[in-house]
Amino acid sequence: MDSIMWIILLFIIAQRVNELVIAKRNERWMKARGGIETGEKHYKWFVVLHCLFFAAVIFEGLVRDTQETELNFFLLFIFIITQVARIWCITSLGKFWNTKIIVLPEFPLIKKGPYKYVKHPNYIIVGIELFIIPLLFGAFISAIIFPVLHILLLTIRIPSEERILQR
């Protein structure tokens, strides 16, 4: 991978680490106010999936020797749009945004920003990212495997989230 690709990849990884810091801060805030967490059993599989995702993209990019692959500006544009949408999701939920399923029973469901139009916009965005990011790096196998694994995990996560939100 050439230097611009490494910069993009390091940016994405740094962004994800920053989001984990935000999520942990929000988790502490919510739990201090009686937040209820559910889905702990499957959460670890999301962590594993995302760690393997970055390892696979790097590995596949290095094995394929994508050094000569030119940056695809169309894919980069789609990636940038997903990042704007991702930030929109995070800012719309504010202190309620988290990578875990934590709810505060006394607070109403937030229905602003993208949540006004779609029930789980962040999951859609992540699905698109798990397809687009590998394509940016010429990691075609990863672009197939990880969105499918994401969808499979969502068949567990979304019903778990819906159950606690119904209460």
C-alpha atoms as a PDB file:
ATOM      1  CA  MET A   1       0.000   0.000   0.000  1.00  0.00           C
ATOM      2  CA  ASP A   2       1.271   3.448  -0.797  1.00  0.00           C
ATOM      3  CA  SER A   3       1.570   6.241   1.757  1.00  0.00           C
ATOM      4  CA  ILE A   4      -1.793   7.905   1.009  1.00  0.00           C
ATOM      5  CA  MET A   5      -3.557   4.589   1.590  1.00  0.00           C
ATOM      6  CA  TRP A   6      -1.750   4.121   4.908  1.00  0.00           C
ATOM      7  CA  ILE A   7      -2.760   7.639   5.930  1.00  0.00           C
ATOM      8  CA  ILE A   8      -6.417   6.904   5.110  1.00  0.00           C
ATOM      9  CA  LEU A   9      -6.277   3.600   6.984  1.00  0.00           C
ATOM     10  CA  LEU A  10      -4.609   5.154  10.034  1.00  0.00           C
ATOM     11  CA  PHE A  11      -7.222   7.928   9.978  1.00  0.00           C
ATOM     12  CA  ILE A  12     -10.025   5.335  10.019  1.00  0.00           C
ATOM     13  CA  ILE A  13      -8.410   3.393  12.872  1.00  0.00           C
ATOM     14  CA  ALA A  14      -7.821   6.600  14.881  1.00  0.00           C
ATOM     15  CA  GLN A  15     -11.429   7.595  14.267  1.00  0.00           C
ATOM     16  CA  ARG A  16     -12.656   4.242  15.588  1.00  0.00           C
ATOM     17  CA  VAL A  17     -10.468   4.503  18.691  1.00  0.00           C
ATOM     18  CA  ASN A  18     -11.823   8.012  19.307  1.00  0.00           C
ATOM     19  CA  GLU A  19     -15.368   6.664  18.976  1.00  0.00           C
ATOM     20  CA  LEU A  20     -14.617   3.998  21.580  1.00  0.00           C
ATOM     21  CA  VAL A  21     -13.443   6.749  23.949  1.00  0.00           C
ATOM     22  CA  ILE A  22     -16.684   8.670  23.322  1.00  0.00           C
ATOM     23  CA  ALA A  23     -18.736   5.496  23.796  1.00  0.00           C
ATOM     24  CA  LYS A  24     -16.991   4.699  27.104  1.00  0.00           C
ATOM     25  CA  ARG A  25     -17.594   8.230  28.372  1.00  0.00           C
ATOM     26  CA  ASN A  26     -21.251   8.025  27.338  1.00  0.00           C
ATOM     27  CA  GLU A  27     -21.539   4.582  28.939  1.00  0.00           C
ATOM     28  CA  ARG A  28     -20.319   5.948  32.280  1.00  0.00           C
ATOM     29  CA  TRP A  29     -22.728   8.890  32.018  1.00  0.00           C
ATOM     30  CA  MET A  30     -25.698   6.644  31.188  1.00  0.00           C
ATOM     31  CA  LYS A  31     -24.947   4.017  33.830  1.00  0.00           C
ATOM     32  CA  ALA A  32     -24.532   6.726  36.476  1.00  0.00           C
ATOM     33  CA  ARG A  33     -28.138   7.674  35.696  1.00  0.00           C
ATOM     34  CA  GLY A  34     -29.497   4.137  35.832  1.00  0.00           C
ATOM     35  CA  GLY A  35     -28.737   3.027  32.278  1.00  0.00           C
ATOM     36  CA  ILE A  36     -29.516  -0.603  31.546  1.00  0.00           C
ATOM     37  CA  GLU A  37     -27.146  -2.594  29.345  1.00  0.00           C
ATOM     38  CA  THR A  38     -28.112  -5.617  27.315  1.00  0.00           C
ATOM     39  CA  GLY A  39     -26.463  -7.657  24.587  1.00  0.00           C
ATOM     40  CA  GLU A  40     -23.177  -8.140  26.390  1.00  0.00           C
ATOM     41  CA  LYS A  41     -22.838 -11.692  25.038  1.00  0.00           C
ATOM     42  CA  HIS A  42     -22.888 -10.677  21.393  1.00  0.00           C
ATOM     43  CA  TYR A  43     -21.055  -7.345  21.815  1.00  0.00           C
ATOM     44  CA  LYS A  44     -17.689  -9.112  21.997  1.00  0.00           C
ATOM     45  CA  TRP A  45     -18.334 -10.533  18.528  1.00  0.00           C
ATOM     46  CA  PHE A  46     -18.685  -7.012  17.121  1.00  0.00           C
ATOM     47  CA  VAL A  47     -15.322  -6.147  18.670  1.00  0.00           C
ATOM     48  CA  VAL A  48     -13.771  -9.289  17.176  1.00  0.00           C
ATOM     49  CA  LEU A  49     -15.369  -8.582  13.792  1.00  0.00           C
ATOM     50  CA  HIS A  50     -14.017  -5.035  13.623  1.00  0.00           C
ATOM     51  CA  CYS A  51     -10.515  -6.003  14.782  1.00  0.00           C
ATOM     52  CA  LEU A  52     -10.396  -8.820  12.226  1.00  0.00           C
ATOM     53  CA  PHE A  53     -11.745  -6.431   9.609  1.00  0.00           C
ATOM     54  CA  PHE A  54      -8.772  -4.076   9.893  1.00  0.00           C
ATOM     55  CA  ALA A  55      -6.305  -6.962  10.087  1.00  0.00           C
ATOM     56  CA  ALA A  56      -7.846  -8.568   6.985  1.00  0.00           C
ATOM     57  CA  VAL A  57      -7.860  -5.336   4.975  1.00  0.00           C
ATOM     58  CA  ILE A  58      -4.197  -4.718   5.817  1.00  0.00           C
ATOM     59  CA  PHE A  59      -3.228  -8.331   5.151  1.00  0.00           C
ATOM     60  CA  GLU A  60      -5.126  -8.558   1.894  1.00  0.00           C
ATOM     61  CA  GLY A  61      -3.824  -5.171   0.777  1.00  0.00           C
ATOM     62  CA  LEU A  62      -0.237  -6.249   1.462  1.00  0.00           C
ATOM     63  CA  VAL A  63      -0.636  -9.695  -0.095  1.00  0.00           C
ATOM     64  CA  ARG A  64      -2.224  -8.258  -3.218  1.00  0.00           C
ATOM     65  CA  ASP A  65       0.548  -5.635  -3.330  1.00  0.00           C
ATOM     66  CA  THR A  66      -1.875  -2.812  -3.996  1.00  0.00           C
ATOM     67  CA  GLN A  67       1.023  -0.346  -4.181  1.00  0.00           C
ATOM     68  CA  GLU A  68       0.207   0.293  -7.818  1.00  0.00           C
ATOM     69  CA  THR A  69      -3.537   0.561  -7.216  1.00  0.00           C
ATOM     70  CA  GLU A  70      -4.637   4.115  -7.802  1.00  0.00           C
ATOM     71  CA  LEU A  71      -6.926   5.805  -5.317  1.00  0.00           C
ATOM     72  CA  ASN A  72     -10.508   5.431  -6.496  1.00  0.00           C
ATOM     73  CA  PHE A  73     -12.032   8.867  -5.952  1.00  0.00           C
ATOM     74  CA  PHE A  74     -15.596   7.595  -6.369  1.00  0.00           C
ATOM     75  CA  LEU A  75     -15.113   5.090  -3.522  1.00  0.00           C
ATOM     76  CA  LEU A  76     -13.348   7.761  -1.481  1.00  0.00           C
ATOM     77  CA  PHE A  77     -16.320  10.084  -2.033  1.00  0.00           C
ATOM     78  CA  ILE A  78     -18.754   7.400  -0.829  1.00  0.00           C
ATOM     79  CA  PHE A  79     -16.513   6.797   2.187  1.00  0.00           C
ATOM     80  CA  ILE A  80     -16.500  10.519   3.021  1.00  0.00           C
ATOM     81  CA  ILE A  81     -20.311  10.620   2.752  1.00  0.00           C
ATOM     82  CA  THR A  82     -20.527   7.682   5.180  1.00  0.00           C
ATOM     83  CA  GLN A  83     -18.268   9.551   7.610  1.00  0.00           C
ATOM     84  CA  VAL A  84     -20.499  12.614   7.481  1.00  0.00           C
ATOM     85  CA  ALA A  85     -23.517  10.359   8.092  1.00  0.00           C
ATOM     86  CA  ARG A  86     -21.650   8.600  10.928  1.00  0.00           C
ATOM     87  CA  ILE A  87     -20.940  11.935  12.633  1.00  0.00           C
ATOM     88  CA  TRP A  88     -24.586  12.911  12.109  1.00  0.00           C
ATOM     89  CA  CYS A  89     -25.659   9.733  13.944  1.00  0.00           C
ATOM     90  CA  ILE A  90     -23.255  10.311  16.831  1.00  0.00           C
ATOM     91  CA  THR A  91     -24.150  13.981  17.269  1.00  0.00           C
ATOM     92  CA  SER A  92     -27.886  13.299  16.953  1.00  0.00           C
ATOM     93  CA  LEU A  93     -27.786  10.846  19.849  1.00  0.00           C
ATOM     94  CA  GLY A  94     -25.317  12.934  21.857  1.00  0.00           C
ATOM     95  CA  LYS A  95     -24.653  11.339  25.256  1.00  0.00           C
ATOM     96  CA  PHE A  96     -26.982   8.470  24.304  1.00  0.00           C
ATOM     97  CA  TRP A  97     -24.745   7.278  21.440  1.00  0.00           C
ATOM     98  CA  ASN A  98     -22.869   4.103  22.215  1.00  0.00           C
ATOM     99  CA  THR A  99     -21.361   1.019  20.650  1.00  0.00           C
ATOM    100  CA  LYS A 100     -23.141  -1.027  23.315  1.00  0.00           C
ATOM    101  CA  ILE A 101     -26.878  -1.351  23.881  1.00  0.00           C
ATOM    102  CA  ILE A 102     -27.574   0.872  26.894  1.00  0.00           C
ATOM    103  CA  VAL A 103     -30.896   2.580  27.538  1.00  0.00           C
ATOM    104  CA  LEU A 104     -32.145   5.027  30.099  1.00  0.00           C
ATOM    105  CA  PRO A 105     -35.774   4.083  30.803  1.00  0.00           C
ATOM    106  CA  GLU A 106     -36.856   7.583  31.893  1.00  0.00           C
ATOM    107  CA  PHE A 107     -35.757   9.179  28.613  1.00  0.00           C
ATOM    108  CA  PRO A 108     -37.793   9.110  25.398  1.00  0.00           C
ATOM    109  CA  LEU A 109     -36.429   7.479  22.261  1.00  0.00           C
ATOM    110  CA  ILE A 110     -34.474  10.018  20.211  1.00  0.00           C
ATOM    111  CA  LYS A 111     -36.073  10.617  16.835  1.00  0.00           C
ATOM    112  CA  LYS A 112     -34.014  13.422  15.371  1.00  0.00           C
ATOM    113  CA  GLY A 113     -31.279  13.559  12.768  1.00  0.00           C
ATOM    114  CA  PRO A 114     -31.111  10.371  10.726  1.00  0.00           C
ATOM    115  CA  TYR A 115     -33.138   8.580  13.431  1.00  0.00           C
ATOM    116  CA  LYS A 116     -36.122  10.622  12.268  1.00  0.00           C
ATOM    117  CA  TYR A 117     -36.018   8.729   8.953  1.00  0.00           C
ATOM    118  CA  VAL A 118     -34.445   5.348   9.716  1.00  0.00           C
ATOM    119  CA  LYS A 119     -34.549   3.263  12.869  1.00  0.00           C
ATOM    120  CA  HIS A 120     -30.917   2.032  12.832  1.00  0.00           C
ATOM    121  CA  PRO A 121     -28.951   4.335  10.493  1.00  0.00           C
ATOM    122  CA  ASN A 122     -25.578   3.601  12.065  1.00  0.00           C
ATOM    123  CA  TYR A 123     -25.864  -0.109  11.199  1.00  0.00           C
ATOM    124  CA  ILE A 124     -26.521   0.785   7.564  1.00  0.00           C
ATOM    125  CA  ILE A 125     -23.525   3.112   7.532  1.00  0.00           C
ATOM    126  CA  VAL A 126     -21.237   0.493   9.065  1.00  0.00           C
ATOM    127  CA  GLY A 127     -22.443  -2.057   6.502  1.00  0.00           C
ATOM    128  CA  ILE A 128     -21.556   0.330   3.679  1.00  0.00           C
ATOM    129  CA  GLU A 129     -18.158   1.037   5.266  1.00  0.00           C
ATOM    130  CA  LEU A 130     -17.384  -2.667   5.612  1.00  0.00           C
ATOM    131  CA  PHE A 131     -17.887  -2.904   1.847  1.00  0.00           C
ATOM    132  CA  ILE A 132     -16.310   0.376   0.688  1.00  0.00           C
ATOM    133  CA  ILE A 133     -13.178   0.473   2.853  1.00  0.00           C
ATOM    134  CA  PRO A 134     -11.832  -2.877   1.625  1.00  0.00           C
ATOM    135  CA  LEU A 135     -12.563  -1.886  -1.981  1.00  0.00           C
ATOM    136  CA  LEU A 136     -10.500   1.280  -1.463  1.00  0.00           C
ATOM    137  CA  PHE A 137      -7.568  -0.951  -0.528  1.00  0.00           C
ATOM    138  CA  GLY A 138      -8.107  -3.606  -3.188  1.00  0.00           C
ATOM    139  CA  ALA A 139      -9.193  -6.098  -0.509  1.00  0.00           C
ATOM    140  CA  PHE A 140     -11.988  -7.692  -2.520  1.00  0.00           C
ATOM    141  CA  ILE A 141     -12.382 -10.799  -0.372  1.00  0.00           C
ATOM    142  CA  SER A 142     -12.773  -8.657   2.762  1.00  0.00           C
ATOM    143  CA  ALA A 143     -15.377  -6.542   0.919  1.00  0.00           C
ATOM    144  CA  ILE A 144     -17.520  -9.665   0.586  1.00  0.00           C
ATOM    145  CA  ILE A 145     -16.896 -11.431   3.889  1.00  0.00           C
ATOM    146  CA  PHE A 146     -17.233  -8.601   6.427  1.00  0.00           C
ATOM    147  CA  PRO A 147     -20.541  -7.063   5.310  1.00  0.00           C
ATOM    148  CA  VAL A 148     -22.052 -10.569   5.410  1.00  0.00           C
ATOM    149  CA  LEU A 149     -20.678 -11.183   8.913  1.00  0.00           C
ATOM    150  CA  HIS A 150     -22.005  -7.756   9.964  1.00  0.00           C
ATOM    151  CA  ILE A 151     -25.489  -8.645   8.718  1.00  0.00           C
ATOM    152  CA  LEU A 152     -25.371 -11.973  10.555  1.00  0.00           C
ATOM    153  CA  LEU A 153     -24.459 -10.227  13.825  1.00  0.00           C
ATOM    154  CA  LEU A 154     -27.216  -7.683  13.270  1.00  0.00           C
ATOM    155  CA  THR A 155     -29.767 -10.521  13.186  1.00  0.00           C
ATOM    156  CA  ILE A 156     -28.893 -10.953  16.868  1.00  0.00           C
ATOM    157  CA  ARG A 157     -28.221  -7.339  17.845  1.00  0.00           C
ATOM    158  CA  ILE A 158     -31.242  -5.555  16.375  1.00  0.00           C
ATOM    159  CA  PRO A 159     -33.830  -7.843  18.018  1.00  0.00           C
ATOM    160  CA  SER A 160     -31.937  -7.501  21.322  1.00  0.00           C
ATOM    161  CA  GLU A 161     -31.944  -3.721  20.961  1.00  0.00           C
ATOM    162  CA  GLU A 162     -35.608  -3.638  19.960  1.00  0.00           C
ATOM    163  CA  ARG A 163     -36.622  -5.715  22.985  1.00  0.00           C
ATOM    164  CA  ILE A 164     -35.041  -3.324  25.468  1.00  0.00           C
ATOM    165  CA  LEU A 165     -36.304  -0.239  23.614  1.00  0.00           C
ATOM    166  CA  GLN A 166     -39.873  -1.596  23.795  1.00  0.00           C
ATOM    167  CA  ARG A 167     -39.776  -1.633  27.597  1.00  0.00           C
END
